[in-house]
Amino acid sequence: MQRNARNWMGVVALVAIGLITSGCLVGNEATGSAASSLPDDLPAFGVIGPDEAAAVLLALSTHDDFVLLDIRTPPEIEASHIAGAQMLDYYAPTFRDELAQLDRDLTYLIYCRTGNRTGKTMTLMKELGFTRVYDLGGGITQWAAQGYPVATGPI
């Protein structure tokens, strides 16, 4: 799964603009280190809202140990997705096996349409030994409703 640096930079720029205009980043936080850009109360494993997810993307999207994972179907992803995401189809018969092959030492931000599939996936990832996983609460539906950018077409 190769990352497209241009897509990552685009999402980082758009998220930064959204965070700055929404007041989520003030002062030097926008230019601080990746760790300092994350909310202090962010859990290592759990559901986070779109504003927190945007902060995670802003802080970690260029890091090699971060994966943005869309677990929807290819047609859903083509309709809209967060730029820079990688796909793992929740409904594919190989989903559990492919999930089990992922590196448990990486940080993941996972999302689906509304949060139902990610809720089940979070349980599975915890059982598999993943330790740093964020679930975008409300999925891409809530992300887009709050004005954060989405891309269209295949990943």
C-alpha atoms as a PDB file:
ATOM      1  CA  MET A   1       0.000   0.000   0.000  1.00  0.00           C
ATOM      2  CA  GLN A   2       1.889   3.031  -1.221  1.00  0.00           C
ATOM      3  CA  ARG A   3       1.005   6.506  -0.076  1.00  0.00           C
ATOM      4  CA  ASN A   4       0.469   9.275  -2.536  1.00  0.00           C
ATOM      5  CA  ALA A   5       2.435  12.189  -1.080  1.00  0.00           C
ATOM      6  CA  ARG A   6       0.476  14.714  -3.114  1.00  0.00           C
ATOM      7  CA  ASN A   7      -2.841  13.474  -1.683  1.00  0.00           C
ATOM      8  CA  TRP A   8      -1.425  13.581   1.850  1.00  0.00           C
ATOM      9  CA  MET A   9      -0.199  17.126   1.461  1.00  0.00           C
ATOM     10  CA  GLY A  10      -3.560  18.170   0.027  1.00  0.00           C
ATOM     11  CA  VAL A  11      -5.500  16.701   2.934  1.00  0.00           C
ATOM     12  CA  VAL A  12      -3.062  18.178   5.437  1.00  0.00           C
ATOM     13  CA  ALA A  13      -3.484  21.628   3.900  1.00  0.00           C
ATOM     14  CA  LEU A  14      -7.270  21.377   3.766  1.00  0.00           C
ATOM     15  CA  VAL A  15      -7.522  20.038   7.303  1.00  0.00           C
ATOM     16  CA  ALA A  16      -5.194  22.767   8.566  1.00  0.00           C
ATOM     17  CA  ILE A  17      -7.324  25.421   6.920  1.00  0.00           C
ATOM     18  CA  GLY A  18     -10.440  23.859   8.427  1.00  0.00           C
ATOM     19  CA  LEU A  19      -8.900  23.663  11.885  1.00  0.00           C
ATOM     20  CA  ILE A  20      -7.594  27.207  11.796  1.00  0.00           C
ATOM     21  CA  THR A  21     -10.886  28.648  10.566  1.00  0.00           C
ATOM     22  CA  SER A  22     -12.893  26.622  13.085  1.00  0.00           C
ATOM     23  CA  GLY A  23     -10.665  27.788  15.934  1.00  0.00           C
ATOM     24  CA  CYS A  24      -9.348  24.313  16.811  1.00  0.00           C
ATOM     25  CA  LEU A  25      -5.752  25.422  16.391  1.00  0.00           C
ATOM     26  CA  VAL A  26      -4.556  28.630  17.959  1.00  0.00           C
ATOM     27  CA  GLY A  27      -1.191  30.126  18.716  1.00  0.00           C
ATOM     28  CA  ASN A  28       1.820  27.926  18.018  1.00  0.00           C
ATOM     29  CA  GLU A  29      -0.031  24.611  18.006  1.00  0.00           C
ATOM     30  CA  ALA A  30      -0.289  24.631  14.218  1.00  0.00           C
ATOM     31  CA  THR A  31       3.493  24.742  13.881  1.00  0.00           C
ATOM     32  CA  GLY A  32       4.453  22.567  16.859  1.00  0.00           C
ATOM     33  CA  SER A  33       5.603  18.976  16.816  1.00  0.00           C
ATOM     34  CA  ALA A  34       3.253  16.172  15.804  1.00  0.00           C
ATOM     35  CA  ALA A  35       2.697  15.081  19.388  1.00  0.00           C
ATOM     36  CA  SER A  36       1.979  18.592  20.599  1.00  0.00           C
ATOM     37  CA  SER A  37      -0.656  19.038  17.882  1.00  0.00           C
ATOM     38  CA  LEU A  38      -2.739  16.191  19.247  1.00  0.00           C
ATOM     39  CA  PRO A  39      -5.398  16.976  21.853  1.00  0.00           C
ATOM     40  CA  ASP A  40      -4.063  16.256  25.353  1.00  0.00           C
ATOM     41  CA  ASP A  41      -7.053  14.088  26.267  1.00  0.00           C
ATOM     42  CA  LEU A  42      -6.946  11.946  23.117  1.00  0.00           C
ATOM     43  CA  PRO A  43      -7.196   8.252  24.043  1.00  0.00           C
ATOM     44  CA  ALA A  44      -4.729   5.733  22.622  1.00  0.00           C
ATOM     45  CA  PHE A  45      -7.647   3.568  21.526  1.00  0.00           C
ATOM     46  CA  GLY A  46     -11.191   4.721  20.947  1.00  0.00           C
ATOM     47  CA  VAL A  47     -13.827   6.773  19.215  1.00  0.00           C
ATOM     48  CA  ILE A  48     -12.969  10.375  18.389  1.00  0.00           C
ATOM     49  CA  GLY A  49     -14.987  13.104  16.710  1.00  0.00           C
ATOM     50  CA  PRO A  50     -14.236  14.799  13.394  1.00  0.00           C
ATOM     51  CA  ASP A  51     -12.362  17.700  15.023  1.00  0.00           C
ATOM     52  CA  GLU A  52     -10.069  15.301  16.887  1.00  0.00           C
ATOM     53  CA  ALA A  53      -9.685  13.171  13.740  1.00  0.00           C
ATOM     54  CA  ALA A  54      -8.665  16.273  11.796  1.00  0.00           C
ATOM     55  CA  ALA A  55      -6.057  17.019  14.475  1.00  0.00           C
ATOM     56  CA  VAL A  56      -4.750  13.442  14.208  1.00  0.00           C
ATOM     57  CA  LEU A  57      -4.527  13.766  10.413  1.00  0.00           C
ATOM     58  CA  LEU A  58      -2.791  17.110  10.670  1.00  0.00           C
ATOM     59  CA  ALA A  59      -0.262  15.800  13.167  1.00  0.00           C
ATOM     60  CA  LEU A  60       0.383  12.316  11.821  1.00  0.00           C
ATOM     61  CA  SER A  61      -0.520  12.076   8.119  1.00  0.00           C
ATOM     62  CA  THR A  62       3.082  12.458   6.960  1.00  0.00           C
ATOM     63  CA  HIS A  63       4.447   9.955   9.472  1.00  0.00           C
ATOM     64  CA  ASP A  64       5.436   6.495   8.250  1.00  0.00           C
ATOM     65  CA  ASP A  65       3.825   4.914  11.307  1.00  0.00           C
ATOM     66  CA  PHE A  66       0.328   6.265  10.554  1.00  0.00           C
ATOM     67  CA  VAL A  67      -2.421   4.707   8.412  1.00  0.00           C
ATOM     68  CA  LEU A  68      -5.749   6.260   7.473  1.00  0.00           C
ATOM     69  CA  LEU A  69      -7.963   3.252   6.762  1.00  0.00           C
ATOM     70  CA  ASP A  70     -11.324   3.374   4.967  1.00  0.00           C
ATOM     71  CA  ILE A  71     -13.200   0.118   5.556  1.00  0.00           C
ATOM     72  CA  ARG A  72     -16.069   0.752   3.155  1.00  0.00           C
ATOM     73  CA  THR A  73     -16.767  -0.868  -0.207  1.00  0.00           C
ATOM     74  CA  PRO A  74     -15.112   0.346  -3.430  1.00  0.00           C
ATOM     75  CA  PRO A  75     -18.312   2.038  -4.722  1.00  0.00           C
ATOM     76  CA  GLU A  76     -18.700   3.911  -1.410  1.00  0.00           C
ATOM     77  CA  ILE A  77     -15.080   5.020  -1.544  1.00  0.00           C
ATOM     78  CA  GLU A  78     -15.370   6.233  -5.133  1.00  0.00           C
ATOM     79  CA  ALA A  79     -18.362   8.364  -4.124  1.00  0.00           C
ATOM     80  CA  SER A  80     -16.361  10.090  -1.361  1.00  0.00           C
ATOM     81  CA  HIS A  81     -13.355   9.401   0.825  1.00  0.00           C
ATOM     82  CA  ILE A  82     -10.737  11.219   2.842  1.00  0.00           C
ATOM     83  CA  ALA A  83      -7.708  11.853   0.658  1.00  0.00           C
ATOM     84  CA  GLY A  84      -4.737   9.665   1.516  1.00  0.00           C
ATOM     85  CA  ALA A  85      -6.831   6.768   2.814  1.00  0.00           C
ATOM     86  CA  GLN A  86      -6.060   3.146   2.175  1.00  0.00           C
ATOM     87  CA  MET A  87      -8.895   0.697   1.585  1.00  0.00           C
ATOM     88  CA  LEU A  88      -9.800  -2.513   3.362  1.00  0.00           C
ATOM     89  CA  ASP A  89     -13.320  -3.657   2.438  1.00  0.00           C
ATOM     90  CA  TYR A  90     -15.221  -4.696   5.574  1.00  0.00           C
ATOM     91  CA  TYR A  91     -17.566  -6.899   3.525  1.00  0.00           C
ATOM     92  CA  ALA A  92     -14.793  -8.773   1.696  1.00  0.00           C
ATOM     93  CA  PRO A  93     -14.533 -12.430   2.737  1.00  0.00           C
ATOM     94  CA  THR A  94     -10.833 -11.867   3.458  1.00  0.00           C
ATOM     95  CA  PHE A  95     -11.371  -8.794   5.689  1.00  0.00           C
ATOM     96  CA  ARG A  96     -10.439 -10.446   8.997  1.00  0.00           C
ATOM     97  CA  ASP A  97      -7.349 -12.105   7.518  1.00  0.00           C
ATOM     98  CA  GLU A  98      -6.188  -8.879   5.851  1.00  0.00           C
ATOM     99  CA  LEU A  99      -6.786  -6.936   9.058  1.00  0.00           C
ATOM    100  CA  ALA A 100      -4.775  -9.511  11.012  1.00  0.00           C
ATOM    101  CA  GLN A 101      -1.838  -8.988   8.619  1.00  0.00           C
ATOM    102  CA  LEU A 102      -1.583  -5.260   9.374  1.00  0.00           C
ATOM    103  CA  ASP A 103       1.278  -3.983  11.514  1.00  0.00           C
ATOM    104  CA  ARG A 104       0.033  -3.727  15.101  1.00  0.00           C
ATOM    105  CA  ASP A 105       2.723  -1.170  15.970  1.00  0.00           C
ATOM    106  CA  LEU A 106       1.315   1.521  13.670  1.00  0.00           C
ATOM    107  CA  THR A 107      -1.255   4.178  14.545  1.00  0.00           C
ATOM    108  CA  TYR A 108      -4.550   3.800  12.670  1.00  0.00           C
ATOM    109  CA  LEU A 109      -7.447   6.150  12.059  1.00  0.00           C
ATOM    110  CA  ILE A 110     -10.301   4.053  10.706  1.00  0.00           C
ATOM    111  CA  TYR A 111     -13.618   5.159   9.302  1.00  0.00           C
ATOM    112  CA  CYS A 112     -16.691   3.892   7.500  1.00  0.00           C
ATOM    113  CA  ARG A 113     -19.949   5.597   6.508  1.00  0.00           C
ATOM    114  CA  THR A 114     -21.521   6.190   9.932  1.00  0.00           C
ATOM    115  CA  GLY A 115     -19.462   4.258  12.478  1.00  0.00           C
ATOM    116  CA  ASN A 116     -21.229   0.894  12.616  1.00  0.00           C
ATOM    117  CA  ARG A 117     -18.536  -1.101  10.782  1.00  0.00           C
ATOM    118  CA  THR A 118     -15.710   0.671  12.577  1.00  0.00           C
ATOM    119  CA  GLY A 119     -17.273  -0.142  15.940  1.00  0.00           C
ATOM    120  CA  LYS A 120     -17.119  -3.845  15.104  1.00  0.00           C
ATOM    121  CA  THR A 121     -13.662  -3.448  13.608  1.00  0.00           C
ATOM    122  CA  MET A 122     -12.369  -1.712  16.750  1.00  0.00           C
ATOM    123  CA  THR A 123     -13.433  -4.735  18.817  1.00  0.00           C
ATOM    124  CA  LEU A 124     -11.660  -7.035  16.391  1.00  0.00           C
ATOM    125  CA  MET A 125      -8.512  -4.897  16.327  1.00  0.00           C
ATOM    126  CA  LYS A 126      -8.378  -4.891  20.117  1.00  0.00           C
ATOM    127  CA  GLU A 127      -8.694  -8.709  20.122  1.00  0.00           C
ATOM    128  CA  LEU A 128      -5.873  -8.882  17.560  1.00  0.00           C
ATOM    129  CA  GLY A 129      -3.554  -6.806  19.742  1.00  0.00           C
ATOM    130  CA  PHE A 130      -3.614  -3.391  18.063  1.00  0.00           C
ATOM    131  CA  THR A 131      -2.865  -0.691  20.610  1.00  0.00           C
ATOM    132  CA  ARG A 132      -3.264   2.696  18.894  1.00  0.00           C
ATOM    133  CA  VAL A 133      -6.468   2.893  16.871  1.00  0.00           C
ATOM    134  CA  TYR A 134      -8.812   5.837  16.430  1.00  0.00           C
ATOM    135  CA  ASP A 135     -12.367   5.385  15.173  1.00  0.00           C
ATOM    136  CA  LEU A 136     -13.861   8.411  13.408  1.00  0.00           C
ATOM    137  CA  GLY A 137     -17.169   8.669  15.269  1.00  0.00           C
ATOM    138  CA  GLY A 138     -20.065   9.205  12.880  1.00  0.00           C
ATOM    139  CA  GLY A 139     -17.877   8.131   9.976  1.00  0.00           C
ATOM    140  CA  ILE A 140     -17.344  10.067   6.792  1.00  0.00           C
ATOM    141  CA  THR A 141     -20.963  11.215   7.021  1.00  0.00           C
ATOM    142  CA  GLN A 142     -20.205  13.264  10.138  1.00  0.00           C
ATOM    143  CA  TRP A 143     -16.796  14.305   8.773  1.00  0.00           C
ATOM    144  CA  ALA A 144     -18.394  15.820   5.649  1.00  0.00           C
ATOM    145  CA  ALA A 145     -21.322  17.298   7.612  1.00  0.00           C
ATOM    146  CA  GLN A 146     -18.822  19.298   9.660  1.00  0.00           C
ATOM    147  CA  GLY A 147     -17.283  20.707   6.499  1.00  0.00           C
ATOM    148  CA  TYR A 148     -14.097  18.670   6.322  1.00  0.00           C
ATOM    149  CA  PRO A 149     -12.834  17.861   2.811  1.00  0.00           C
ATOM    150  CA  VAL A 150     -13.613  14.693   0.871  1.00  0.00           C
ATOM    151  CA  ALA A 151     -12.255  13.400  -2.394  1.00  0.00           C
ATOM    152  CA  THR A 152     -14.052  11.425  -5.094  1.00  0.00           C
ATOM    153  CA  GLY A 153     -12.954   8.648  -7.407  1.00  0.00           C
ATOM    154  CA  PRO A 154     -10.826   5.610  -6.604  1.00  0.00           C
ATOM    155  CA  ILE A 155      -8.163   5.743  -3.916  1.00  0.00           C
END
